[in-house]
Each structure stands twice: as structure tokens, then as C-alpha cells.
Amino acid sequence: MRPALFLALALPLLAGACMQAPLSPLDAARVCEERARAAQGPTGSVSVGASSRSGLSSGISIGVTDDYLRGRDPYEVYEDCVVARSGQAPVRPPRLR
């Protein structure tokens, strides 16, 4: 009987933990602009460094999103993301550059 009681009490808490509270449209815009920028093309960075302990170091990072690979319009990505995160249409256009 105890496992059933535990499950009955824990299940709503677990389900609630998986849900996110909706963001305001402005907060969603800030988050979604990054996703829309990534849909414009590959992103990347290069780093070069030196230290007395480990000598020279270098690194490269390249990122490609599935939105870019599928050829999705960055403005569509932005709008879909804002609606999904806030439940409302965007209140301003994205700043993609």
C-alpha cells in the first residue's frame, strides 16, 4: 500500500517539475533571438593561448543547429520559439545582427 501512496503523492510533483512557467514575451524574445541567430548559419570560435605551465594551447568550436540544416527561416524560428515559451506572439521583431 505504501508504494501506491508514494506514487500518488510523487507523480504530481514530478509532472510539475517538468513544466516550465511561461516567460514574458520580452524575456522570451531575448532567449529566442539566440536560437534565431543560430538558424542563420554555422557558429564558431577559435581560441589561442599560452601559459608558463602548459605552453601553447589552441581550440576551435563549430556549431550547427537543426534549424539551419533544415533551412528554416530565422524569423520563423524566432516567432515559433517566442510563442512556445511565452504563449503569446512576439511583441517586437528579432535583432538578428
PDB file of N, CA and C in Angstrom:
ATOM      1  N   MET A   1       0.822  -1.197   0.000  1.00  0.00           N
ATOM      2  CA  MET A   1       0.000   0.000   0.000  1.00  0.00           C
ATOM      3  C   MET A   1       0.864   1.258   0.000  1.00  0.00           C
ATOM      4  N   ARG A   2       1.985   1.231   0.693  1.00  0.00           N
ATOM      5  CA  ARG A   2       2.844   2.407   0.757  1.00  0.00           C
ATOM      6  C   ARG A   2       3.400   2.821  -0.605  1.00  0.00           C
ATOM      7  N   PRO A   3       3.860   1.905  -1.457  1.00  0.00           N
ATOM      8  CA  PRO A   3       4.351   2.343  -2.766  1.00  0.00           C
ATOM      9  C   PRO A   3       3.275   3.061  -3.576  1.00  0.00           C
ATOM     10  N   ALA A   4       2.049   2.604  -3.490  1.00  0.00           N
ATOM     11  CA  ALA A   4       0.973   3.247  -4.232  1.00  0.00           C
ATOM     12  C   ALA A   4       0.717   4.656  -3.696  1.00  0.00           C
ATOM     13  N   LEU A   5       0.774   4.810  -2.376  1.00  0.00           N
ATOM     14  CA  LEU A   5       0.582   6.122  -1.774  1.00  0.00           C
ATOM     15  C   LEU A   5       1.725   7.061  -2.166  1.00  0.00           C
ATOM     16  N   PHE A   6       2.943   6.557  -2.128  1.00  0.00           N
ATOM     17  CA  PHE A   6       4.108   7.351  -2.529  1.00  0.00           C
ATOM     18  C   PHE A   6       3.979   7.804  -3.974  1.00  0.00           C
ATOM     19  N   LEU A   7       3.601   6.892  -4.846  1.00  0.00           N
ATOM     20  CA  LEU A   7       3.444   7.209  -6.267  1.00  0.00           C
ATOM     21  C   LEU A   7       2.337   8.245  -6.471  1.00  0.00           C
ATOM     22  N   ALA A   8       1.246   8.106  -5.747  1.00  0.00           N
ATOM     23  CA  ALA A   8       0.141   9.048  -5.877  1.00  0.00           C
ATOM     24  C   ALA A   8       0.542  10.452  -5.432  1.00  0.00           C
ATOM     25  N   LEU A   9       1.423  10.539  -4.440  1.00  0.00           N
ATOM     26  CA  LEU A   9       1.873  11.851  -3.982  1.00  0.00           C
ATOM     27  C   LEU A   9       3.013  12.406  -4.833  1.00  0.00           C
ATOM     28  N   ALA A  10       3.887  11.534  -5.316  1.00  0.00           N
ATOM     29  CA  ALA A  10       5.066  11.982  -6.050  1.00  0.00           C
ATOM     30  C   ALA A  10       4.775  12.318  -7.502  1.00  0.00           C
ATOM     31  N   LEU A  11       3.823  11.665  -8.110  1.00  0.00           N
ATOM     32  CA  LEU A  11       3.554  11.868  -9.530  1.00  0.00           C
ATOM     33  C   LEU A  11       3.192  13.313  -9.874  1.00  0.00           C
ATOM     34  N   PRO A  12       2.287  13.965  -9.144  1.00  0.00           N
ATOM     35  CA  PRO A  12       2.002  15.375  -9.466  1.00  0.00           C
ATOM     36  C   PRO A  12       3.221  16.279  -9.292  1.00  0.00           C
ATOM     37  N   LEU A  13       4.059  15.996  -8.301  1.00  0.00           N
ATOM     38  CA  LEU A  13       5.257  16.807  -8.095  1.00  0.00           C
ATOM     39  C   LEU A  13       6.237  16.631  -9.246  1.00  0.00           C
ATOM     40  N   LEU A  14       6.402  15.404  -9.702  1.00  0.00           N
ATOM     41  CA  LEU A  14       7.300  15.144 -10.824  1.00  0.00           C
ATOM     42  C   LEU A  14       6.776  15.782 -12.110  1.00  0.00           C
ATOM     43  N   ALA A  15       5.498  15.705 -12.325  1.00  0.00           N
ATOM     44  CA  ALA A  15       4.911  16.303 -13.519  1.00  0.00           C
ATOM     45  C   ALA A  15       5.063  17.819 -13.480  1.00  0.00           C
ATOM     46  N   GLY A  16       4.898  18.410 -12.334  1.00  0.00           N
ATOM     47  CA  GLY A  16       5.063  19.851 -12.189  1.00  0.00           C
ATOM     48  C   GLY A  16       6.496  20.299 -12.388  1.00  0.00           C
ATOM     49  N   ALA A  17       7.446  19.468 -12.017  1.00  0.00           N
ATOM     50  CA  ALA A  17       8.859  19.815 -12.188  1.00  0.00           C
ATOM     51  C   ALA A  17       9.244  19.851 -13.655  1.00  0.00           C
ATOM     52  N   CYS A  18       8.581  19.094 -14.486  1.00  0.00           N
ATOM     53  CA  CYS A  18       8.897  19.056 -15.913  1.00  0.00           C
ATOM     54  C   CYS A  18       8.338  20.260 -16.661  1.00  0.00           C
ATOM     55  N   MET A  19       7.331  20.895 -16.124  1.00  0.00           N
ATOM     56  CA  MET A  19       6.718  22.034 -16.793  1.00  0.00           C
ATOM     57  C   MET A  19       7.459  23.310 -16.409  1.00  0.00           C
ATOM     58  N   GLN A  20       7.636  24.187 -17.379  1.00  0.00           N
ATOM     59  CA  GLN A  20       8.259  25.468 -17.119  1.00  0.00           C
ATOM     60  C   GLN A  20       7.187  26.540 -17.085  1.00  0.00           C
ATOM     61  N   ALA A  21       7.391  27.500 -16.221  1.00  0.00           N
ATOM     62  CA  ALA A  21       6.473  28.636 -16.200  1.00  0.00           C
ATOM     63  C   ALA A  21       6.709  29.452 -17.468  1.00  0.00           C
ATOM     64  N   PRO A  22       5.659  29.957 -18.075  1.00  0.00           N
ATOM     65  CA  PRO A  22       5.849  30.735 -19.293  1.00  0.00           C
ATOM     66  C   PRO A  22       6.646  32.005 -19.003  1.00  0.00           C
ATOM     67  N   LEU A  23       7.460  32.382 -19.964  1.00  0.00           N
ATOM     68  CA  LEU A  23       8.231  33.615 -19.872  1.00  0.00           C
ATOM     69  C   LEU A  23       7.393  34.777 -20.375  1.00  0.00           C
ATOM     70  N   SER A  24       7.779  35.975 -19.992  1.00  0.00           N
ATOM     71  CA  SER A  24       7.139  37.153 -20.582  1.00  0.00           C
ATOM     72  C   SER A  24       7.581  37.219 -22.040  1.00  0.00           C
ATOM     73  N   PRO A  25       6.815  37.866 -22.908  1.00  0.00           N
ATOM     74  CA  PRO A  25       7.222  37.964 -24.312  1.00  0.00           C
ATOM     75  C   PRO A  25       8.595  38.618 -24.493  1.00  0.00           C
ATOM     76  N   LEU A  26       8.952  39.584 -23.659  1.00  0.00           N
ATOM     77  CA  LEU A  26      10.269  40.232 -23.781  1.00  0.00           C
ATOM     78  C   LEU A  26      11.395  39.291 -23.359  1.00  0.00           C
ATOM     79  N   ASP A  27      11.176  38.538 -22.280  1.00  0.00           N
ATOM     80  CA  ASP A  27      12.190  37.564 -21.860  1.00  0.00           C
ATOM     81  C   ASP A  27      12.332  36.467 -22.916  1.00  0.00           C
ATOM     82  N   ALA A  28      11.211  36.026 -23.450  1.00  0.00           N
ATOM     83  CA  ALA A  28      11.251  35.001 -24.499  1.00  0.00           C
ATOM     84  C   ALA A  28      11.970  35.529 -25.731  1.00  0.00           C
ATOM     85  N   ALA A  29      11.781  36.807 -26.050  1.00  0.00           N
ATOM     86  CA  ALA A  29      12.450  37.403 -27.208  1.00  0.00           C
ATOM     87  C   ALA A  29      13.961  37.332 -27.050  1.00  0.00           C
ATOM     88  N   ARG A  30      14.465  37.630 -25.856  1.00  0.00           N
ATOM     89  CA  ARG A  30      15.908  37.582 -25.623  1.00  0.00           C
ATOM     90  C   ARG A  30      16.454  36.171 -25.800  1.00  0.00           C
ATOM     91  N   VAL A  31      15.746  35.202 -25.271  1.00  0.00           N
ATOM     92  CA  VAL A  31      16.184  33.808 -25.383  1.00  0.00           C
ATOM     93  C   VAL A  31      16.101  33.337 -26.833  1.00  0.00           C
ATOM     94  N   CYS A  32      15.020  33.671 -27.493  1.00  0.00           N
ATOM     95  CA  CYS A  32      14.754  33.157 -28.838  1.00  0.00           C
ATOM     96  C   CYS A  32      15.588  33.829 -29.918  1.00  0.00           C
ATOM     97  N   GLU A  33      16.080  35.027 -29.655  1.00  0.00           N
ATOM     98  CA  GLU A  33      16.969  35.674 -30.623  1.00  0.00           C
ATOM     99  C   GLU A  33      18.238  34.851 -30.839  1.00  0.00           C
ATOM    100  N   GLU A  34      18.764  34.283 -29.783  1.00  0.00           N
ATOM    101  CA  GLU A  34      19.961  33.439 -29.920  1.00  0.00           C
ATOM    102  C   GLU A  34      19.679  32.233 -30.809  1.00  0.00           C
ATOM    103  N   ARG A  35      18.526  31.625 -30.608  1.00  0.00           N
ATOM    104  CA  ARG A  35      18.162  30.476 -31.432  1.00  0.00           C
ATOM    105  C   ARG A  35      17.980  30.881 -32.891  1.00  0.00           C
ATOM    106  N   ALA A  36      17.368  32.041 -33.124  1.00  0.00           N
ATOM    107  CA  ALA A  36      17.166  32.521 -34.492  1.00  0.00           C
ATOM    108  C   ALA A  36      18.507  32.869 -35.144  1.00  0.00           C
ATOM    109  N   ARG A  37      19.439  33.461 -34.367  1.00  0.00           N
ATOM    110  CA  ARG A  37      20.771  33.759 -34.919  1.00  0.00           C
ATOM    111  C   ARG A  37      21.477  32.481 -35.340  1.00  0.00           C
ATOM    112  N   ALA A  38      21.339  31.452 -34.533  1.00  0.00           N
ATOM    113  CA  ALA A  38      21.982  30.169 -34.853  1.00  0.00           C
ATOM    114  C   ALA A  38      21.370  29.538 -36.101  1.00  0.00           C
ATOM    115  N   ALA A  39      20.120  29.868 -36.407  1.00  0.00           N
ATOM    116  CA  ALA A  39      19.471  29.324 -37.608  1.00  0.00           C
ATOM    117  C   ALA A  39      19.971  30.013 -38.876  1.00  0.00           C
ATOM    118  N   GLN A  40      20.687  31.130 -38.731  1.00  0.00           N
ATOM    119  CA  GLN A  40      21.201  31.850 -39.889  1.00  0.00           C
ATOM    120  C   GLN A  40      22.402  31.154 -40.519  1.00  0.00           C
ATOM    121  N   GLY A  41      23.145  30.401 -39.748  1.00  0.00           N
ATOM    122  CA  GLY A  41      24.325  29.737 -40.289  1.00  0.00           C
ATOM    123  C   GLY A  41      25.155  29.129 -39.179  1.00  0.00           C
ATOM    124  N   PRO A  42      26.213  28.441 -39.547  1.00  0.00           N
ATOM    125  CA  PRO A  42      27.089  27.844 -38.535  1.00  0.00           C
ATOM    126  C   PRO A  42      27.704  28.921 -37.647  1.00  0.00           C
ATOM    127  N   THR A  43      27.907  28.561 -36.401  1.00  0.00           N
ATOM    128  CA  THR A  43      28.564  29.449 -35.449  1.00  0.00           C
ATOM    129  C   THR A  43      29.902  28.842 -35.080  1.00  0.00           C
ATOM    130  N   GLY A  44      30.799  29.644 -34.591  1.00  0.00           N
ATOM    131  CA  GLY A  44      32.084  29.089 -34.219  1.00  0.00           C
ATOM    132  C   GLY A  44      32.964  30.072 -33.499  1.00  0.00           C
ATOM    133  N   SER A  45      34.035  29.535 -32.963  1.00  0.00           N
ATOM    134  CA  SER A  45      35.033  30.355 -32.295  1.00  0.00           C
ATOM    135  C   SER A  45      36.377  29.654 -32.375  1.00  0.00           C
ATOM    136  N   VAL A  46      37.423  30.454 -32.292  1.00  0.00           N
ATOM    137  CA  VAL A  46      38.788  29.957 -32.296  1.00  0.00           C
ATOM    138  C   VAL A  46      39.487  30.578 -31.106  1.00  0.00           C
ATOM    139  N   SER A  47      40.260  29.793 -30.396  1.00  0.00           N
ATOM    140  CA  SER A  47      40.998  30.328 -29.261  1.00  0.00           C
ATOM    141  C   SER A  47      42.461  29.906 -29.339  1.00  0.00           C
ATOM    142  N   VAL A  48      43.318  30.822 -28.945  1.00  0.00           N
ATOM    143  CA  VAL A  48      44.751  30.567 -28.888  1.00  0.00           C
ATOM    144  C   VAL A  48      45.236  31.147 -27.576  1.00  0.00           C
ATOM    145  N   GLY A  49      46.068  30.404 -26.886  1.00  0.00           N
ATOM    146  CA  GLY A  49      46.568  30.879 -25.612  1.00  0.00           C
ATOM    147  C   GLY A  49      47.943  30.331 -25.303  1.00  0.00           C
ATOM    148  N   ALA A  50      48.551  30.901 -24.293  1.00  0.00           N
ATOM    149  CA  ALA A  50      49.860  30.444 -23.844  1.00  0.00           C
ATOM    150  C   ALA A  50      49.940  30.620 -22.339  1.00  0.00           C
ATOM    151  N   SER A  51      50.624  29.695 -21.697  1.00  0.00           N
ATOM    152  CA  SER A  51      50.860  29.800 -20.263  1.00  0.00           C
ATOM    153  C   SER A  51      52.236  29.228 -19.953  1.00  0.00           C
ATOM    154  N   SER A  52      52.779  29.662 -18.849  1.00  0.00           N
ATOM    155  CA  SER A  52      54.108  29.182 -18.474  1.00  0.00           C
ATOM    156  C   SER A  52      54.075  27.725 -18.032  1.00  0.00           C
ATOM    157  N   ARG A  53      52.915  27.261 -17.610  1.00  0.00           N
ATOM    158  CA  ARG A  53      52.806  25.886 -17.116  1.00  0.00           C
ATOM    159  C   ARG A  53      52.568  24.872 -18.232  1.00  0.00           C
ATOM    160  N   SER A  54      51.633  25.184 -19.129  1.00  0.00           N
ATOM    161  CA  SER A  54      51.275  24.187 -20.145  1.00  0.00           C
ATOM    162  C   SER A  54      51.722  24.557 -21.550  1.00  0.00           C
ATOM    163  N   GLY A  55      52.356  25.694 -21.728  1.00  0.00           N
ATOM    164  CA  GLY A  55      52.811  26.084 -23.057  1.00  0.00           C
ATOM    165  C   GLY A  55      51.680  26.637 -23.898  1.00  0.00           C
ATOM    166  N   LEU A  56      51.749  26.388 -25.188  1.00  0.00           N
ATOM    167  CA  LEU A  56      50.736  26.888 -26.113  1.00  0.00           C
ATOM    168  C   LEU A  56      49.502  26.010 -26.101  1.00  0.00           C
ATOM    169  N   SER A  57      48.377  26.636 -26.297  1.00  0.00           N
ATOM    170  CA  SER A  57      47.122  25.884 -26.419  1.00  0.00           C
ATOM    171  C   SER A  57      46.267  26.547 -27.486  1.00  0.00           C
ATOM    172  N   SER A  58      45.437  25.748 -28.117  1.00  0.00           N
ATOM    173  CA  SER A  58      44.530  26.286 -29.127  1.00  0.00           C
ATOM    174  C   SER A  58      43.263  25.444 -29.135  1.00  0.00           C
ATOM    175  N   GLY A  59      42.227  26.004 -29.680  1.00  0.00           N
ATOM    176  CA  GLY A  59      40.961  25.274 -29.756  1.00  0.00           C
ATOM    177  C   GLY A  59      40.070  25.865 -30.824  1.00  0.00           C
ATOM    178  N   ILE A  60      39.164  25.070 -31.281  1.00  0.00           N
ATOM    179  CA  ILE A  60      38.191  25.508 -32.275  1.00  0.00           C
ATOM    180  C   ILE A  60      36.849  24.884 -31.916  1.00  0.00           C
ATOM    181  N   SER A  61      35.802  25.646 -32.119  1.00  0.00           N
ATOM    182  CA  SER A  61      34.457  25.173 -31.820  1.00  0.00           C
ATOM    183  C   SER A  61      33.543  25.588 -32.966  1.00  0.00           C
ATOM    184  N   ILE A  62      32.801  24.635 -33.498  1.00  0.00           N
ATOM    185  CA  ILE A  62      31.854  24.915 -34.576  1.00  0.00           C
ATOM    186  C   ILE A  62      30.500  24.348 -34.173  1.00  0.00           C
ATOM    187  N   GLY A  63      29.457  25.149 -34.341  1.00  0.00           N
ATOM    188  CA  GLY A  63      28.114  24.706 -34.008  1.00  0.00           C
ATOM    189  C   GLY A  63      27.175  24.861 -35.192  1.00  0.00           C
ATOM    190  N   VAL A  64      26.361  23.865 -35.402  1.00  0.00           N
ATOM    191  CA  VAL A  64      25.350  23.900 -36.462  1.00  0.00           C
ATOM    192  C   VAL A  64      24.047  23.403 -35.844  1.00  0.00           C
ATOM    193  N   THR A  65      22.981  24.176 -36.008  1.00  0.00           N
ATOM    194  CA  THR A  65      21.698  23.774 -35.428  1.00  0.00           C
ATOM    195  C   THR A  65      20.857  23.020 -36.449  1.00  0.00           C
ATOM    196  N   ASP A  66      19.905  22.262 -35.938  1.00  0.00           N
ATOM    197  CA  ASP A  66      19.000  21.544 -36.839  1.00  0.00           C
ATOM    198  C   ASP A  66      18.119  22.514 -37.620  1.00  0.00           C
ATOM    199  N   ASP A  67      17.832  23.685 -37.039  1.00  0.00           N
ATOM    200  CA  ASP A  67      17.056  24.696 -37.770  1.00  0.00           C
ATOM    201  C   ASP A  67      17.809  25.139 -39.019  1.00  0.00           C
ATOM    202  N   TYR A  68      19.116  25.339 -38.909  1.00  0.00           N
ATOM    203  CA  TYR A  68      19.928  25.728 -40.063  1.00  0.00           C
ATOM    204  C   TYR A  68      19.976  24.597 -41.082  1.00  0.00           C
ATOM    205  N   LEU A  69      20.199  23.377 -40.612  1.00  0.00           N
ATOM    206  CA  LEU A  69      20.293  22.238 -41.526  1.00  0.00           C
ATOM    207  C   LEU A  69      18.990  22.000 -42.287  1.00  0.00           C
ATOM    208  N   ARG A  70      17.860  22.284 -41.653  1.00  0.00           N
ATOM    209  CA  ARG A  70      16.569  22.111 -42.310  1.00  0.00           C
ATOM    210  C   ARG A  70      16.177  23.304 -43.158  1.00  0.00           C
ATOM    211  N   GLY A  71      17.006  24.362 -43.134  1.00  0.00           N
ATOM    212  CA  GLY A  71      16.734  25.537 -43.952  1.00  0.00           C
ATOM    213  C   GLY A  71      15.595  26.403 -43.450  1.00  0.00           C
ATOM    214  N   ARG A  72      15.342  26.372 -42.147  1.00  0.00           N
ATOM    215  CA  ARG A  72      14.243  27.171 -41.592  1.00  0.00           C
ATOM    216  C   ARG A  72      14.593  28.653 -41.590  1.00  0.00           C
ATOM    217  N   ASP A  73      13.612  29.461 -41.869  1.00  0.00           N
ATOM    218  CA  ASP A  73      13.757  30.907 -41.838  1.00  0.00           C
ATOM    219  C   ASP A  73      13.996  31.351 -40.391  1.00  0.00           C
ATOM    220  N   PRO A  74      15.051  32.126 -40.116  1.00  0.00           N
ATOM    221  CA  PRO A  74      15.321  32.572 -38.747  1.00  0.00           C
ATOM    222  C   PRO A  74      14.170  33.353 -38.119  1.00  0.00           C
ATOM    223  N   TYR A  75      13.417  34.101 -38.920  1.00  0.00           N
ATOM    224  CA  TYR A  75      12.275  34.839 -38.369  1.00  0.00           C
ATOM    225  C   TYR A  75      11.157  33.885 -37.939  1.00  0.00           C
ATOM    226  N   GLU A  76      10.984  32.807 -38.681  1.00  0.00           N
ATOM    227  CA  GLU A  76      10.001  31.782 -38.304  1.00  0.00           C
ATOM    228  C   GLU A  76      10.455  31.064 -37.028  1.00  0.00           C
ATOM    229  N   VAL A  77      11.736  30.766 -36.946  1.00  0.00           N
ATOM    230  CA  VAL A  77      12.290  30.127 -35.744  1.00  0.00           C
ATOM    231  C   VAL A  77      12.036  31.015 -34.533  1.00  0.00           C
ATOM    232  N   TYR A  78      12.298  32.309 -34.685  1.00  0.00           N
ATOM    233  CA  TYR A  78      12.092  33.269 -33.600  1.00  0.00           C
ATOM    234  C   TYR A  78      10.634  33.307 -33.158  1.00  0.00           C
ATOM    235  N   GLU A  79       9.735  33.450 -34.122  1.00  0.00           N
ATOM    236  CA  GLU A  79       8.307  33.539 -33.787  1.00  0.00           C
ATOM    237  C   GLU A  79       7.801  32.269 -33.113  1.00  0.00           C
ATOM    238  N   ASP A  80       8.149  31.110 -33.660  1.00  0.00           N
ATOM    239  CA  ASP A  80       7.721  29.836 -33.060  1.00  0.00           C
ATOM    240  C   ASP A  80       8.258  29.689 -31.637  1.00  0.00           C
ATOM    241  N   CYS A  81       9.497  30.089 -31.436  1.00  0.00           N
ATOM    242  CA  CYS A  81      10.119  29.976 -30.121  1.00  0.00           C
ATOM    243  C   CYS A  81       9.434  30.885 -29.103  1.00  0.00           C
ATOM    244  N   VAL A  82       9.162  32.132 -29.479  1.00  0.00           N
ATOM    245  CA  VAL A  82       8.507  33.067 -28.560  1.00  0.00           C
ATOM    246  C   VAL A  82       7.116  32.566 -28.186  1.00  0.00           C
ATOM    247  N   VAL A  83       6.374  32.086 -29.159  1.00  0.00           N
ATOM    248  CA  VAL A  83       5.028  31.562 -28.872  1.00  0.00           C
ATOM    249  C   VAL A  83       5.122  30.347 -27.941  1.00  0.00           C
ATOM    250  N   ALA A  84       6.079  29.459 -28.196  1.00  0.00           N
ATOM    251  CA  ALA A  84       6.224  28.260 -27.368  1.00  0.00           C
ATOM    252  C   ALA A  84       6.629  28.605 -25.936  1.00  0.00           C
ATOM    253  N   ARG A  85       7.466  29.609 -25.759  1.00  0.00           N
ATOM    254  CA  ARG A  85       7.966  29.943 -24.424  1.00  0.00           C
ATOM    255  C   ARG A  85       7.084  30.902 -23.645  1.00  0.00           C
ATOM    256  N   SER A  86       6.326  31.755 -24.352  1.00  0.00           N
ATOM    257  CA  SER A  86       5.511  32.743 -23.639  1.00  0.00           C
ATOM    258  C   SER A  86       4.015  32.520 -23.792  1.00  0.00           C
ATOM    259  N   GLY A  87       3.612  31.764 -24.828  1.00  0.00           N
ATOM    260  CA  GLY A  87       2.192  31.585 -25.092  1.00  0.00           C
ATOM    261  C   GLY A  87       1.578  32.768 -25.810  1.00  0.00           C
ATOM    262  N   GLN A  88       2.415  33.723 -26.225  1.00  0.00           N
ATOM    263  CA  GLN A  88       1.944  34.925 -26.898  1.00  0.00           C
ATOM    264  C   GLN A  88       2.793  35.173 -28.137  1.00  0.00           C
ATOM    265  N   ALA A  89       2.252  35.961 -29.055  1.00  0.00           N
ATOM    266  CA  ALA A  89       3.006  36.346 -30.243  1.00  0.00           C
ATOM    267  C   ALA A  89       4.120  37.313 -29.836  1.00  0.00           C
ATOM    268  N   PRO A  90       5.188  37.379 -30.624  1.00  0.00           N
ATOM    269  CA  PRO A  90       6.264  38.324 -30.306  1.00  0.00           C
ATOM    270  C   PRO A  90       5.760  39.767 -30.262  1.00  0.00           C
ATOM    271  N   VAL A  91       6.336  40.552 -29.354  1.00  0.00           N
ATOM    272  CA  VAL A  91       5.946  41.952 -29.213  1.00  0.00           C
ATOM    273  C   VAL A  91       6.902  42.883 -29.961  1.00  0.00           C
ATOM    274  N   ARG A  92       8.013  42.317 -30.470  1.00  0.00           N
ATOM    275  CA  ARG A  92       8.964  43.089 -31.263  1.00  0.00           C
ATOM    276  C   ARG A  92       9.679  42.175 -32.230  1.00  0.00           C
ATOM    277  N   PRO A  93      10.207  42.722 -33.310  1.00  0.00           N
ATOM    278  CA  PRO A  93      10.956  41.878 -34.253  1.00  0.00           C
ATOM    279  C   PRO A  93      12.293  41.457 -33.643  1.00  0.00           C
ATOM    280  N   PRO A  94      12.859  40.370 -34.133  1.00  0.00           N
ATOM    281  CA  PRO A  94      14.144  39.927 -33.591  1.00  0.00           C
ATOM    282  C   PRO A  94      15.283  40.825 -34.036  1.00  0.00           C
ATOM    283  N   ARG A  95      16.287  40.929 -33.201  1.00  0.00           N
ATOM    284  CA  ARG A  95      17.527  41.627 -33.550  1.00  0.00           C
ATOM    285  C   ARG A  95      18.542  40.544 -33.861  1.00  0.00           C
ATOM    286  N   LEU A  96      18.684  40.262 -35.151  1.00  0.00           N
ATOM    287  CA  LEU A  96      19.497  39.126 -35.556  1.00  0.00           C
ATOM    288  C   LEU A  96      20.954  39.458 -35.838  1.00  0.00           C
ATOM    289  N   ARG A  97      21.333  40.679 -35.950  1.00  0.00           N
ATOM    290  CA  ARG A  97      22.736  41.016 -36.245  1.00  0.00           C
ATOM    291  C   ARG A  97      23.339  41.813 -35.144  1.00  0.00           C
TER     292      ARG A  97
END
